[in-house]
Amino acid sequence: MNDKQPELSKQELSQKVGERIKSIRSGLGISQAELARRCNKDSQHIELIENGKVTATIYTLYIVARALGVTLDELLKLD
């Protein structure tokens, strides 16, 4: 078992992932409403994810990545 603390807290990671989603979405010129439609999600849910207010499941991140036309690896590239 590893006693090291993670570099990011759960909240910080959620915020970084949300920022990454927003950056990709904005770069593609897609609205939150359009992304939500493509993901079959409520636009408020997409807003909460982008603002780091909720922690998205890995499956939701997979759906978002596909809707944005990127791989899950690309979506989670946080550097």
Protein backbone atom coordinates (compact mmCIF):
# COMPACT_ATOMS: atom_id res chain seq x y z
CA MET A 1 0.00 0.00 0.00
CA ASN A 2 1.29 3.47 -0.89
CA ASP A 3 1.35 5.97 1.99
CA LYS A 4 1.88 8.97 -0.31
CA GLN A 5 -0.90 11.49 -0.50
CA PRO A 6 -2.32 12.17 -3.97
CA GLU A 7 -1.04 15.30 -5.67
CA LEU A 8 -4.58 16.62 -6.18
CA SER A 9 -7.58 16.45 -3.92
CA LYS A 10 -10.81 15.05 -5.31
CA GLN A 11 -12.19 18.59 -5.61
CA GLU A 12 -9.06 19.88 -7.37
CA LEU A 13 -9.14 16.99 -9.81
CA SER A 14 -12.83 17.58 -10.55
CA GLN A 15 -12.09 21.25 -11.21
CA LYS A 16 -9.18 20.47 -13.53
CA VAL A 17 -11.20 17.92 -15.50
CA GLY A 18 -14.08 20.37 -15.75
CA GLU A 19 -11.75 23.10 -17.00
CA ARG A 20 -10.37 20.69 -19.59
CA ILE A 21 -13.86 19.80 -20.83
CA LYS A 22 -14.81 23.47 -21.05
CA SER A 23 -11.60 24.31 -22.91
CA ILE A 24 -12.10 21.58 -25.50
CA ARG A 25 -15.81 22.39 -25.87
CA SER A 26 -15.17 26.11 -26.28
CA GLY A 27 -12.38 25.45 -28.77
CA LEU A 28 -14.83 23.48 -30.88
CA GLY A 29 -17.45 26.22 -30.65
CA ILE A 30 -19.95 23.93 -28.95
CA SER A 31 -22.38 25.26 -26.33
CA GLN A 32 -23.02 23.49 -23.05
CA ALA A 33 -26.54 22.78 -24.30
CA GLU A 34 -25.21 21.14 -27.47
CA LEU A 35 -22.70 19.05 -25.51
CA ALA A 36 -25.47 18.00 -23.13
CA ARG A 37 -27.65 16.99 -26.10
CA ARG A 38 -24.81 14.93 -27.60
CA CYS A 39 -24.27 13.21 -24.24
CA ASN A 40 -27.97 12.73 -23.51
CA LYS A 41 -27.44 14.68 -20.29
CA ASP A 42 -29.10 17.74 -18.78
CA SER A 43 -27.23 20.97 -19.59
CA GLN A 44 -27.15 21.79 -15.88
CA HIS A 45 -25.24 18.56 -15.28
CA ILE A 46 -22.64 19.56 -17.89
CA GLU A 47 -22.36 22.96 -16.20
CA LEU A 48 -21.78 21.31 -12.81
CA ILE A 49 -19.09 19.05 -14.28
CA GLU A 50 -17.34 21.95 -16.01
CA ASN A 51 -17.37 23.98 -12.80
CA GLY A 52 -16.00 21.09 -10.75
CA LYS A 53 -19.11 20.98 -8.58
CA VAL A 54 -19.68 17.26 -9.17
CA THR A 55 -17.31 14.39 -9.76
CA ALA A 56 -18.23 12.73 -13.03
CA THR A 57 -18.10 8.97 -13.30
CA ILE A 58 -15.58 7.42 -15.66
CA TYR A 59 -18.48 6.40 -17.90
CA THR A 60 -19.78 9.98 -18.07
CA LEU A 61 -16.28 11.19 -18.92
CA TYR A 62 -16.13 8.55 -21.66
CA ILE A 63 -19.45 9.79 -23.10
CA VAL A 64 -18.29 13.42 -22.92
CA ALA A 65 -15.00 12.57 -24.62
CA ARG A 66 -16.81 10.81 -27.47
CA ALA A 67 -19.23 13.73 -27.81
CA LEU A 68 -16.25 16.09 -28.10
CA GLY A 69 -14.49 13.83 -30.61
CA VAL A 70 -11.50 13.14 -28.37
CA THR A 71 -10.21 10.06 -26.58
CA LEU A 72 -10.58 9.64 -22.85
CA ASP A 73 -6.78 9.98 -22.65
CA GLU A 74 -6.95 13.36 -24.40
CA LEU A 75 -9.79 14.50 -22.17
CA LEU A 76 -7.85 13.64 -19.02
CA LYS A 77 -4.58 15.25 -20.13
CA LEU A 78 -4.41 17.87 -17.41
CA ASP A 79 -0.93 19.37 -17.90
